[in-house]
């Protein structure tokens, strides 16, 4: 998740390295469930034009290890430890695609979170942890969503379907 301009967004995609990898800090994630296959979940915050790691929820055997001077709390059902109030600046360079507000879709069974399924979409470009560009992509995503809704229900690919996919790739600064 990403806190941006006072709202909470789901992290849809990242172009570049992972903004935070707990293994680099000596916390090896383990997989406890199918829903958290990575073994951890980060909550990021954009504040003062900087990318911060705000929270880390992790399944790990090192349940009592401090992270950036913060002691872990119980992680609940899906994780073994939760770190809150981290406020750690991250030197991330790349883009983040974030979305909020689910849009009704016939493709509700998809495990992924494609951008066109969100009512509000932003693309954030960072250089060394500094937000250098923030683009709202909601209007263009609305256009793509309308085109997807107008496509015939058929499993085979058509030129029209491929055109929508190509247009979707040109909405963003980077590919996700």
C-alpha atoms as a PDB file:
ATOM      1  CA  UNK A   1       0.000   0.000   0.000  1.00  0.00           C
ATOM      2  CA  UNK A   2       1.024   3.595  -0.549  1.00  0.00           C
ATOM      3  CA  UNK A   3      -0.117   6.686   1.366  1.00  0.00           C
ATOM      4  CA  UNK A   4      -0.138   9.551  -1.150  1.00  0.00           C
ATOM      5  CA  UNK A   5      -1.713  13.004  -0.801  1.00  0.00           C
ATOM      6  CA  UNK A   6      -3.768  11.932   2.204  1.00  0.00           C
ATOM      7  CA  UNK A   7      -5.247   8.824   0.561  1.00  0.00           C
ATOM      8  CA  UNK A   8      -4.384   5.120   0.692  1.00  0.00           C
ATOM      9  CA  UNK A   9      -3.658   3.342  -2.588  1.00  0.00           C
ATOM     10  CA  UNK A  10      -2.873  -0.206  -3.583  1.00  0.00           C
ATOM     11  CA  UNK A  11       0.536  -0.657  -5.178  1.00  0.00           C
ATOM     12  CA  UNK A  12      -0.359  -2.008  -8.637  1.00  0.00           C
ATOM     13  CA  UNK A  13       3.085  -2.170 -10.179  1.00  0.00           C
ATOM     14  CA  UNK A  14       6.729  -1.188  -9.860  1.00  0.00           C
ATOM     15  CA  UNK A  15       9.183  -0.484 -12.646  1.00  0.00           C
ATOM     16  CA  UNK A  16      12.650  -0.741 -11.140  1.00  0.00           C
ATOM     17  CA  UNK A  17      13.966  -2.617  -8.118  1.00  0.00           C
ATOM     18  CA  UNK A  18      11.753  -3.349  -5.137  1.00  0.00           C
ATOM     19  CA  UNK A  19      11.523  -0.159  -3.089  1.00  0.00           C
ATOM     20  CA  UNK A  20      12.311  -2.191   0.049  1.00  0.00           C
ATOM     21  CA  UNK A  21      13.622  -5.732   0.424  1.00  0.00           C
ATOM     22  CA  UNK A  22      13.629  -7.020   4.017  1.00  0.00           C
ATOM     23  CA  UNK A  23      16.307  -9.597   3.166  1.00  0.00           C
ATOM     24  CA  UNK A  24      18.806  -6.734   2.712  1.00  0.00           C
ATOM     25  CA  UNK A  25      18.177  -5.864   6.366  1.00  0.00           C
ATOM     26  CA  UNK A  26      18.667  -9.446   7.579  1.00  0.00           C
ATOM     27  CA  UNK A  27      14.967 -10.335   7.731  1.00  0.00           C
ATOM     28  CA  UNK A  28      14.367 -13.405   5.597  1.00  0.00           C
ATOM     29  CA  UNK A  29      10.658 -13.652   4.721  1.00  0.00           C
ATOM     30  CA  UNK A  30       8.923 -17.027   4.774  1.00  0.00           C
ATOM     31  CA  UNK A  31       5.647 -17.912   3.120  1.00  0.00           C
ATOM     32  CA  UNK A  32       2.866 -18.737   5.571  1.00  0.00           C
ATOM     33  CA  UNK A  33      -0.106 -18.519   3.221  1.00  0.00           C
ATOM     34  CA  UNK A  34      -1.108 -18.453  -0.432  1.00  0.00           C
ATOM     35  CA  UNK A  35      -2.399 -14.898  -0.087  1.00  0.00           C
ATOM     36  CA  UNK A  36       0.989 -13.551   1.021  1.00  0.00           C
ATOM     37  CA  UNK A  37       3.287 -15.525  -1.274  1.00  0.00           C
ATOM     38  CA  UNK A  38       6.114 -12.982  -0.905  1.00  0.00           C
ATOM     39  CA  UNK A  39       6.053 -13.352   2.883  1.00  0.00           C
ATOM     40  CA  UNK A  40       5.835  -9.643   3.591  1.00  0.00           C
ATOM     41  CA  UNK A  41       3.841  -6.511   2.878  1.00  0.00           C
ATOM     42  CA  UNK A  42       5.135  -2.944   2.935  1.00  0.00           C
ATOM     43  CA  UNK A  43       3.201   0.227   3.571  1.00  0.00           C
ATOM     44  CA  UNK A  44       4.906   3.175   1.902  1.00  0.00           C
ATOM     45  CA  UNK A  45       4.242   6.864   2.388  1.00  0.00           C
ATOM     46  CA  UNK A  46       5.089   9.818   0.163  1.00  0.00           C
ATOM     47  CA  UNK A  47       5.733  12.796   2.401  1.00  0.00           C
ATOM     48  CA  UNK A  48       7.658  15.982   1.742  1.00  0.00           C
ATOM     49  CA  UNK A  49       8.463  14.712  -1.737  1.00  0.00           C
ATOM     50  CA  UNK A  50      10.246  11.630  -0.361  1.00  0.00           C
ATOM     51  CA  UNK A  51       9.422   7.925  -0.383  1.00  0.00           C
ATOM     52  CA  UNK A  52       9.265   6.439   3.109  1.00  0.00           C
ATOM     53  CA  UNK A  53       8.792   2.918   4.422  1.00  0.00           C
ATOM     54  CA  UNK A  54       6.075   3.432   7.029  1.00  0.00           C
ATOM     55  CA  UNK A  55       5.202  -0.150   8.017  1.00  0.00           C
ATOM     56  CA  UNK A  56       6.435  -3.675   7.388  1.00  0.00           C
ATOM     57  CA  UNK A  57       4.315  -6.768   7.980  1.00  0.00           C
ATOM     58  CA  UNK A  58       6.468  -9.883   7.649  1.00  0.00           C
ATOM     59  CA  UNK A  59       6.444 -13.623   8.197  1.00  0.00           C
ATOM     60  CA  UNK A  60       9.942 -14.452   9.450  1.00  0.00           C
ATOM     61  CA  UNK A  61      11.694 -16.672  11.958  1.00  0.00           C
ATOM     62  CA  UNK A  62      13.505 -13.614  13.381  1.00  0.00           C
ATOM     63  CA  UNK A  63      10.383 -12.398  15.195  1.00  0.00           C
ATOM     64  CA  UNK A  64      12.201 -10.375  17.863  1.00  0.00           C
ATOM     65  CA  UNK A  65      14.716  -8.563  15.641  1.00  0.00           C
ATOM     66  CA  UNK A  66      14.585  -4.762  15.564  1.00  0.00           C
ATOM     67  CA  UNK A  67      14.345  -2.947  12.244  1.00  0.00           C
ATOM     68  CA  UNK A  68      15.783   0.575  12.061  1.00  0.00           C
ATOM     69  CA  UNK A  69      15.533   0.802  15.862  1.00  0.00           C
ATOM     70  CA  UNK A  70      11.873  -0.275  15.952  1.00  0.00           C
ATOM     71  CA  UNK A  71      10.836  -3.372  17.896  1.00  0.00           C
ATOM     72  CA  UNK A  72       8.298  -5.649  16.210  1.00  0.00           C
ATOM     73  CA  UNK A  73       4.759  -6.236  17.391  1.00  0.00           C
ATOM     74  CA  UNK A  74       2.686  -9.378  16.872  1.00  0.00           C
ATOM     75  CA  UNK A  75       1.909  -9.812  13.175  1.00  0.00           C
ATOM     76  CA  UNK A  76      -1.552 -11.342  13.534  1.00  0.00           C
ATOM     77  CA  UNK A  77      -2.797 -14.215  11.373  1.00  0.00           C
ATOM     78  CA  UNK A  78      -0.825 -13.666   8.155  1.00  0.00           C
ATOM     79  CA  UNK A  79       2.503 -12.452   9.535  1.00  0.00           C
ATOM     80  CA  UNK A  80       4.793 -13.142  12.500  1.00  0.00           C
ATOM     81  CA  UNK A  81       5.909  -9.535  13.043  1.00  0.00           C
ATOM     82  CA  UNK A  82       4.701  -6.008  12.322  1.00  0.00           C
ATOM     83  CA  UNK A  83       6.883  -2.904  12.382  1.00  0.00           C
ATOM     84  CA  UNK A  84       5.042   0.422  12.533  1.00  0.00           C
ATOM     85  CA  UNK A  85       6.140   4.043  12.571  1.00  0.00           C
ATOM     86  CA  UNK A  86       9.347   3.318  10.664  1.00  0.00           C
ATOM     87  CA  UNK A  87       9.493   6.554   8.657  1.00  0.00           C
ATOM     88  CA  UNK A  88      12.559   5.223   6.832  1.00  0.00           C
ATOM     89  CA  UNK A  89      13.611   7.125   3.716  1.00  0.00           C
ATOM     90  CA  UNK A  90      14.150   4.791   0.767  1.00  0.00           C
ATOM     91  CA  UNK A  91      16.613   5.553  -2.066  1.00  0.00           C
ATOM     92  CA  UNK A  92      14.278   4.033  -4.670  1.00  0.00           C
ATOM     93  CA  UNK A  93      14.738   4.992  -8.320  1.00  0.00           C
ATOM     94  CA  UNK A  94      11.932   3.914 -10.633  1.00  0.00           C
ATOM     95  CA  UNK A  95       8.186   4.274 -10.959  1.00  0.00           C
ATOM     96  CA  UNK A  96       5.237   3.112  -8.897  1.00  0.00           C
ATOM     97  CA  UNK A  97       1.762   2.617 -10.275  1.00  0.00           C
ATOM     98  CA  UNK A  98      -0.873   3.083  -7.566  1.00  0.00           C
ATOM     99  CA  UNK A  99      -4.664   2.767  -7.616  1.00  0.00           C
ATOM    100  CA  UNK A 100      -7.702   3.062  -5.374  1.00  0.00           C
ATOM    101  CA  UNK A 101     -11.440   2.583  -5.658  1.00  0.00           C
ATOM    102  CA  UNK A 102     -12.402  -0.717  -7.208  1.00  0.00           C
ATOM    103  CA  UNK A 103     -14.414  -0.597 -10.412  1.00  0.00           C
ATOM    104  CA  UNK A 104     -17.016  -3.279 -11.100  1.00  0.00           C
ATOM    105  CA  UNK A 105     -15.693  -5.692 -13.682  1.00  0.00           C
ATOM    106  CA  UNK A 106     -16.697  -9.019 -15.208  1.00  0.00           C
ATOM    107  CA  UNK A 107     -13.102 -10.156 -14.618  1.00  0.00           C
ATOM    108  CA  UNK A 108     -13.389 -10.279 -10.822  1.00  0.00           C
ATOM    109  CA  UNK A 109     -11.649 -13.662 -10.636  1.00  0.00           C
ATOM    110  CA  UNK A 110      -8.288 -12.228 -11.675  1.00  0.00           C
ATOM    111  CA  UNK A 111      -5.587 -12.528  -9.011  1.00  0.00           C
ATOM    112  CA  UNK A 112      -3.681  -9.585 -10.425  1.00  0.00           C
ATOM    113  CA  UNK A 113      -4.734  -5.974 -10.108  1.00  0.00           C
ATOM    114  CA  UNK A 114      -4.683  -4.406 -13.577  1.00  0.00           C
ATOM    115  CA  UNK A 115      -4.781  -0.614 -13.607  1.00  0.00           C
ATOM    116  CA  UNK A 116      -8.092  -0.483 -15.487  1.00  0.00           C
ATOM    117  CA  UNK A 117      -9.854  -2.041 -12.473  1.00  0.00           C
ATOM    118  CA  UNK A 118      -9.279   1.072 -10.350  1.00  0.00           C
ATOM    119  CA  UNK A 119     -11.322   4.267 -10.291  1.00  0.00           C
ATOM    120  CA  UNK A 120      -8.255   6.420  -9.549  1.00  0.00           C
ATOM    121  CA  UNK A 121      -4.743   5.713 -10.861  1.00  0.00           C
ATOM    122  CA  UNK A 122      -1.463   7.601 -10.393  1.00  0.00           C
ATOM    123  CA  UNK A 123       2.045   6.993 -11.676  1.00  0.00           C
ATOM    124  CA  UNK A 124       4.874   8.176  -9.422  1.00  0.00           C
ATOM    125  CA  UNK A 125       8.444   8.640 -10.675  1.00  0.00           C
ATOM    126  CA  UNK A 126      11.229   8.603  -8.073  1.00  0.00           C
ATOM    127  CA  UNK A 127      14.941   9.322  -8.366  1.00  0.00           C
ATOM    128  CA  UNK A 128      17.032   8.317  -5.336  1.00  0.00           C
ATOM    129  CA  UNK A 129      13.886   8.376  -3.180  1.00  0.00           C
ATOM    130  CA  UNK A 130      12.767  11.842  -4.316  1.00  0.00           C
ATOM    131  CA  UNK A 131       9.410  12.199  -6.068  1.00  0.00           C
ATOM    132  CA  UNK A 132      10.250  13.986  -9.327  1.00  0.00           C
ATOM    133  CA  UNK A 133       6.986  13.449 -11.178  1.00  0.00           C
ATOM    134  CA  UNK A 134       3.421  12.438 -10.293  1.00  0.00           C
ATOM    135  CA  UNK A 135       0.962  11.839 -13.110  1.00  0.00           C
ATOM    136  CA  UNK A 136      -2.736  11.132 -12.675  1.00  0.00           C
ATOM    137  CA  UNK A 137      -3.752   8.484 -15.213  1.00  0.00           C
ATOM    138  CA  UNK A 138      -7.430   8.178 -14.250  1.00  0.00           C
ATOM    139  CA  UNK A 139      -8.906   9.807 -17.357  1.00  0.00           C
ATOM    140  CA  UNK A 140      -6.874   7.670 -19.775  1.00  0.00           C
ATOM    141  CA  UNK A 141      -7.680   4.536 -17.759  1.00  0.00           C
ATOM    142  CA  UNK A 142     -11.396   5.435 -17.993  1.00  0.00           C
ATOM    143  CA  UNK A 143     -11.055   5.490 -21.796  1.00  0.00           C
ATOM    144  CA  UNK A 144      -9.326   2.087 -21.787  1.00  0.00           C
ATOM    145  CA  UNK A 145     -11.982   0.651 -19.438  1.00  0.00           C
ATOM    146  CA  UNK A 146     -14.780   1.796 -21.777  1.00  0.00           C
ATOM    147  CA  UNK A 147     -13.010   0.169 -24.714  1.00  0.00           C
ATOM    148  CA  UNK A 148     -12.531  -3.083 -22.775  1.00  0.00           C
ATOM    149  CA  UNK A 149     -16.242  -3.099 -21.834  1.00  0.00           C
ATOM    150  CA  UNK A 150     -17.198  -2.753 -25.502  1.00  0.00           C
ATOM    151  CA  UNK A 151     -15.140  -5.771 -26.611  1.00  0.00           C
ATOM    152  CA  UNK A 152     -16.978  -8.987 -27.493  1.00  0.00           C
ATOM    153  CA  UNK A 153     -16.699 -11.886 -25.060  1.00  0.00           C
ATOM    154  CA  UNK A 154     -14.461 -14.288 -26.918  1.00  0.00           C
ATOM    155  CA  UNK A 155     -11.367 -16.217 -25.861  1.00  0.00           C
ATOM    156  CA  UNK A 156      -9.403 -15.705 -29.068  1.00  0.00           C
ATOM    157  CA  UNK A 157      -7.443 -12.550 -29.664  1.00  0.00           C
ATOM    158  CA  UNK A 158      -8.689  -9.998 -32.134  1.00  0.00           C
ATOM    159  CA  UNK A 159      -7.108  -6.948 -33.675  1.00  0.00           C
ATOM    160  CA  UNK A 160      -9.414  -4.788 -31.589  1.00  0.00           C
ATOM    161  CA  UNK A 161      -8.313  -6.502 -28.348  1.00  0.00           C
ATOM    162  CA  UNK A 162      -4.661  -6.123 -29.296  1.00  0.00           C
ATOM    163  CA  UNK A 163      -5.266  -2.437 -30.034  1.00  0.00           C
ATOM    164  CA  UNK A 164      -6.649  -1.892 -26.530  1.00  0.00           C
ATOM    165  CA  UNK A 165      -3.637  -3.637 -24.995  1.00  0.00           C
ATOM    166  CA  UNK A 166      -1.264  -1.536 -27.078  1.00  0.00           C
ATOM    167  CA  UNK A 167      -3.061   1.675 -26.062  1.00  0.00           C
ATOM    168  CA  UNK A 168      -2.863   0.627 -22.407  1.00  0.00           C
ATOM    169  CA  UNK A 169       0.924   0.335 -22.669  1.00  0.00           C
ATOM    170  CA  UNK A 170       1.150   3.916 -23.959  1.00  0.00           C
ATOM    171  CA  UNK A 171      -0.735   5.387 -20.987  1.00  0.00           C
ATOM    172  CA  UNK A 172       2.264   5.115 -18.649  1.00  0.00           C
ATOM    173  CA  UNK A 173       5.824   6.416 -18.516  1.00  0.00           C
ATOM    174  CA  UNK A 174       7.152   2.870 -18.040  1.00  0.00           C
ATOM    175  CA  UNK A 175       5.941  -0.706 -18.559  1.00  0.00           C
ATOM    176  CA  UNK A 176       4.547  -2.698 -15.633  1.00  0.00           C
END
